[in-house]
Amino acid sequence: MFKHRRVRVATVLLSSWVLLAAVERWTEKASWSSAVWAGLLWSGVVAGAWWFAEWTQAGRFRAGAAGTGGGHRPEEERQLPEDRAGRSR
C-alpha cells in the first residue's frame, strides 16, 4: 500500500492535518473551524516538504539500484583470498 509515493504523501497529509488541527485547537485555543483551516495549511506545508524530499531521493533506494545492495544475490558475495581468510585483524 505504501509502495506508491502518492499514497505516502496523502497519508502524511491526512495524519498531519488531524494532528495539527488538534494542536491548534487545544494549545492555541482556536475555534474548530479556524483550527481545521490552520491545520490544513500547515499539513500542506508538511506534505509538500515530504513530497519534495521523496522526489529528490527518487531512484536512490530502489531494489537493484547502484550502491543500494538491492540486487545482491548470495552467490555474488565477495570472497577473501585464501591467505587472508584465516587471519583476524
N, C-alpha and C. Protein backbone atom coordinates (compact mmCIF):
# COMPACT_ATOMS: atom_id res chain seq x y z
N MET A 1 0.81 -1.19 0.00
CA MET A 1 0.00 0.00 0.00
C MET A 1 0.87 1.27 0.00
N PHE A 2 1.93 1.26 0.81
CA PHE A 2 2.77 2.44 0.88
C PHE A 2 3.88 2.41 -0.16
N LYS A 3 3.72 1.56 -1.18
CA LYS A 3 4.71 1.45 -2.24
C LYS A 3 4.70 2.67 -3.14
N HIS A 4 3.57 3.31 -3.28
CA HIS A 4 3.44 4.44 -4.20
C HIS A 4 3.60 5.76 -3.46
N ARG A 5 4.31 6.69 -4.09
CA ARG A 5 4.60 7.98 -3.47
C ARG A 5 3.32 8.75 -3.17
N ARG A 6 2.34 8.68 -4.08
CA ARG A 6 1.09 9.43 -3.86
C ARG A 6 0.38 8.98 -2.59
N VAL A 7 0.41 7.67 -2.33
CA VAL A 7 -0.25 7.14 -1.14
C VAL A 7 0.48 7.60 0.11
N ARG A 8 1.81 7.59 0.08
CA ARG A 8 2.58 8.04 1.25
C ARG A 8 2.35 9.52 1.52
N VAL A 9 2.36 10.33 0.47
CA VAL A 9 2.15 11.77 0.65
C VAL A 9 0.74 12.06 1.15
N ALA A 10 -0.25 11.35 0.62
CA ALA A 10 -1.63 11.53 1.09
C ALA A 10 -1.77 11.11 2.55
N THR A 11 -1.08 10.05 2.94
CA THR A 11 -1.12 9.60 4.34
C THR A 11 -0.48 10.64 5.24
N VAL A 12 0.63 11.21 4.83
CA VAL A 12 1.29 12.26 5.61
C VAL A 12 0.38 13.48 5.71
N LEU A 13 -0.26 13.84 4.60
CA LEU A 13 -1.16 14.99 4.59
C LEU A 13 -2.32 14.80 5.57
N LEU A 14 -2.98 13.67 5.49
CA LEU A 14 -4.14 13.44 6.35
C LEU A 14 -3.77 13.31 7.83
N SER A 15 -2.72 12.56 8.11
CA SER A 15 -2.34 12.39 9.52
C SER A 15 -1.83 13.70 10.12
N SER A 16 -1.05 14.46 9.34
CA SER A 16 -0.58 15.74 9.88
C SER A 16 -1.72 16.74 9.99
N TRP A 17 -2.71 16.66 9.12
CA TRP A 17 -3.88 17.54 9.23
C TRP A 17 -4.61 17.30 10.54
N VAL A 18 -4.85 16.05 10.86
CA VAL A 18 -5.54 15.72 12.11
C VAL A 18 -4.70 16.18 13.31
N LEU A 19 -3.42 15.87 13.29
CA LEU A 19 -2.55 16.23 14.41
C LEU A 19 -2.43 17.75 14.58
N LEU A 20 -2.20 18.44 13.48
CA LEU A 20 -2.01 19.89 13.58
C LEU A 20 -3.30 20.64 13.88
N ALA A 21 -4.44 20.13 13.42
CA ALA A 21 -5.71 20.74 13.79
C ALA A 21 -5.96 20.57 15.29
N ALA A 22 -5.61 19.40 15.82
CA ALA A 22 -5.77 19.18 17.27
C ALA A 22 -4.84 20.09 18.06
N VAL A 23 -3.62 20.27 17.58
CA VAL A 23 -2.68 21.17 18.26
C VAL A 23 -3.20 22.59 18.23
N GLU A 24 -3.69 23.03 17.09
CA GLU A 24 -4.26 24.39 17.00
C GLU A 24 -5.46 24.55 17.94
N ARG A 25 -6.27 23.54 18.02
CA ARG A 25 -7.49 23.62 18.85
C ARG A 25 -7.16 23.69 20.33
N TRP A 26 -6.31 22.76 20.80
CA TRP A 26 -6.13 22.66 22.24
C TRP A 26 -5.00 23.52 22.77
N THR A 27 -3.94 23.70 22.05
CA THR A 27 -2.86 24.52 22.60
C THR A 27 -3.04 26.00 22.28
N GLU A 28 -3.59 26.31 21.12
CA GLU A 28 -3.79 27.70 20.74
C GLU A 28 -5.18 28.21 21.10
N LYS A 29 -6.03 27.33 21.58
CA LYS A 29 -7.41 27.67 21.98
C LYS A 29 -8.22 28.29 20.84
N ALA A 30 -8.00 27.79 19.63
CA ALA A 30 -8.71 28.30 18.46
C ALA A 30 -10.06 27.58 18.33
N SER A 31 -10.97 28.20 17.63
CA SER A 31 -12.24 27.52 17.36
C SER A 31 -11.98 26.39 16.37
N TRP A 32 -12.92 25.42 16.32
CA TRP A 32 -12.70 24.26 15.46
C TRP A 32 -12.56 24.66 13.99
N SER A 33 -13.36 25.60 13.55
CA SER A 33 -13.29 25.97 12.13
C SER A 33 -11.93 26.59 11.77
N SER A 34 -11.43 27.48 12.60
CA SER A 34 -10.13 28.06 12.30
C SER A 34 -9.00 27.05 12.54
N ALA A 35 -9.17 26.15 13.50
CA ALA A 35 -8.15 25.12 13.75
C ALA A 35 -8.05 24.17 12.56
N VAL A 36 -9.18 23.82 11.96
CA VAL A 36 -9.18 22.92 10.80
C VAL A 36 -8.48 23.58 9.62
N TRP A 37 -8.78 24.85 9.38
CA TRP A 37 -8.14 25.55 8.25
C TRP A 37 -6.66 25.77 8.49
N ALA A 38 -6.28 26.13 9.70
CA ALA A 38 -4.86 26.31 10.01
C ALA A 38 -4.12 24.98 9.94
N GLY A 39 -4.76 23.91 10.42
CA GLY A 39 -4.16 22.58 10.33
C GLY A 39 -3.99 22.14 8.90
N LEU A 40 -4.95 22.47 8.05
CA LEU A 40 -4.85 22.12 6.63
C LEU A 40 -3.71 22.89 5.96
N LEU A 41 -3.57 24.15 6.31
CA LEU A 41 -2.48 24.94 5.76
C LEU A 41 -1.12 24.35 6.13
N TRP A 42 -0.92 24.08 7.41
CA TRP A 42 0.38 23.56 7.85
C TRP A 42 0.61 22.12 7.42
N SER A 43 -0.45 21.34 7.32
CA SER A 43 -0.26 19.96 6.83
C SER A 43 0.10 19.97 5.34
N GLY A 44 -0.39 20.97 4.61
CA GLY A 44 0.03 21.12 3.22
C GLY A 44 1.51 21.43 3.12
N VAL A 45 2.01 22.24 4.04
CA VAL A 45 3.44 22.55 4.07
C VAL A 45 4.25 21.30 4.40
N VAL A 46 3.79 20.55 5.38
CA VAL A 46 4.48 19.32 5.79
C VAL A 46 4.47 18.30 4.65
N ALA A 47 3.31 18.09 4.03
CA ALA A 47 3.21 17.12 2.93
C ALA A 47 4.03 17.58 1.73
N GLY A 48 4.08 18.87 1.47
CA GLY A 48 4.90 19.39 0.38
C GLY A 48 6.38 19.15 0.63
N ALA A 49 6.82 19.35 1.86
CA ALA A 49 8.22 19.07 2.20
C ALA A 49 8.50 17.57 2.09
N TRP A 50 7.56 16.74 2.52
CA TRP A 50 7.71 15.29 2.40
C TRP A 50 7.81 14.88 0.93
N TRP A 51 6.91 15.44 0.09
CA TRP A 51 6.93 15.11 -1.33
C TRP A 51 8.26 15.53 -1.96
N PHE A 52 8.73 16.73 -1.63
CA PHE A 52 9.99 17.22 -2.19
C PHE A 52 11.16 16.34 -1.76
N ALA A 53 11.17 15.92 -0.50
CA ALA A 53 12.25 15.05 -0.02
C ALA A 53 12.23 13.72 -0.76
N GLU A 54 11.05 13.14 -0.96
CA GLU A 54 10.97 11.88 -1.70
C GLU A 54 11.32 12.07 -3.16
N TRP A 55 10.92 13.18 -3.74
CA TRP A 55 11.20 13.44 -5.15
C TRP A 55 12.70 13.59 -5.39
N THR A 56 13.40 14.27 -4.48
CA THR A 56 14.83 14.44 -4.66
C THR A 56 15.59 13.15 -4.41
N GLN A 57 15.01 12.22 -3.68
CA GLN A 57 15.65 10.94 -3.42
C GLN A 57 15.19 9.85 -4.38
N ALA A 58 14.39 10.18 -5.37
CA ALA A 58 13.81 9.18 -6.28
C ALA A 58 14.90 8.36 -6.95
N GLY A 59 14.75 7.06 -6.86
CA GLY A 59 15.67 6.15 -7.51
C GLY A 59 16.86 5.72 -6.69
N ARG A 60 17.12 6.37 -5.59
CA ARG A 60 18.28 6.01 -4.79
C ARG A 60 18.11 4.70 -4.05
N PHE A 61 16.90 4.41 -3.60
CA PHE A 61 16.71 3.25 -2.74
C PHE A 61 15.85 2.17 -3.37
N ARG A 62 15.75 2.19 -4.70
CA ARG A 62 15.02 1.13 -5.38
C ARG A 62 15.83 -0.15 -5.36
N ALA A 63 15.15 -1.28 -5.35
CA ALA A 63 15.83 -2.56 -5.39
C ALA A 63 16.63 -2.66 -6.66
N GLY A 64 17.89 -3.00 -6.55
CA GLY A 64 18.74 -3.15 -7.70
C GLY A 64 19.43 -1.88 -8.14
N ALA A 65 19.13 -0.75 -7.49
CA ALA A 65 19.80 0.49 -7.87
C ALA A 65 21.25 0.44 -7.44
N ALA A 66 22.09 1.15 -8.14
CA ALA A 66 23.52 1.11 -7.87
C ALA A 66 23.82 1.58 -6.45
N GLY A 67 24.60 0.79 -5.75
CA GLY A 67 25.04 1.16 -4.42
C GLY A 67 24.07 0.86 -3.29
N THR A 68 22.90 0.31 -3.58
CA THR A 68 21.94 0.04 -2.52
C THR A 68 21.97 -1.38 -2.03
N GLY A 69 22.55 -2.28 -2.80
CA GLY A 69 22.57 -3.68 -2.41
C GLY A 69 21.25 -4.36 -2.64
N GLY A 70 20.34 -3.72 -3.32
CA GLY A 70 19.02 -4.30 -3.55
C GLY A 70 19.06 -5.49 -4.48
N GLY A 71 20.02 -5.53 -5.39
CA GLY A 71 20.11 -6.64 -6.32
C GLY A 71 21.13 -7.68 -5.90
N HIS A 72 21.51 -7.69 -4.65
CA HIS A 72 22.53 -8.58 -4.14
C HIS A 72 22.03 -10.02 -4.08
N ARG A 73 22.82 -10.93 -4.61
CA ARG A 73 22.50 -12.35 -4.53
C ARG A 73 23.58 -13.05 -3.73
N PRO A 74 23.23 -14.10 -2.97
CA PRO A 74 24.22 -14.76 -2.11
C PRO A 74 25.44 -15.25 -2.87
N GLU A 75 25.29 -15.75 -4.10
CA GLU A 75 26.45 -16.27 -4.82
C GLU A 75 27.40 -15.17 -5.27
N GLU A 76 26.98 -13.90 -5.14
CA GLU A 76 27.84 -12.79 -5.54
C GLU A 76 28.67 -12.23 -4.38
N GLU A 77 28.62 -12.89 -3.24
CA GLU A 77 29.38 -12.39 -2.09
C GLU A 77 30.86 -12.37 -2.41
N ARG A 78 31.50 -11.34 -1.91
CA ARG A 78 32.93 -11.22 -2.15
C ARG A 78 33.68 -12.22 -1.30
N GLN A 79 34.53 -12.96 -1.91
CA GLN A 79 35.31 -13.98 -1.21
C GLN A 79 36.70 -13.41 -0.91
N LEU A 80 37.18 -13.69 0.28
CA LEU A 80 38.53 -13.29 0.63
C LEU A 80 39.52 -14.28 0.04
N PRO A 81 40.70 -13.81 -0.32
CA PRO A 81 41.73 -14.75 -0.78
C PRO A 81 42.06 -15.76 0.32
N GLU A 82 42.53 -16.91 -0.07
CA GLU A 82 42.80 -17.98 0.89
C GLU A 82 43.79 -17.56 1.98
N ASP A 83 44.78 -16.75 1.64
CA ASP A 83 45.77 -16.37 2.63
C ASP A 83 45.22 -15.38 3.68
N ARG A 84 44.12 -14.69 3.36
CA ARG A 84 43.53 -13.73 4.32
C ARG A 84 42.32 -14.30 5.03
N ALA A 85 41.82 -15.45 4.59
CA ALA A 85 40.58 -15.99 5.15
C ALA A 85 40.72 -16.34 6.62
N GLY A 86 41.86 -16.84 7.05
CA GLY A 86 42.01 -17.27 8.43
C GLY A 86 42.54 -16.21 9.36
N ARG A 87 43.05 -15.12 8.85
CA ARG A 87 43.65 -14.07 9.68
C ARG A 87 42.59 -13.15 10.27
N SER A 88 42.84 -12.68 11.45
CA SER A 88 41.99 -11.66 12.05
C SER A 88 42.82 -10.41 12.24
N ARG A 89 42.21 -9.30 12.28
CA ARG A 89 42.92 -8.02 12.41
C ARG A 89 43.20 -7.68 13.81
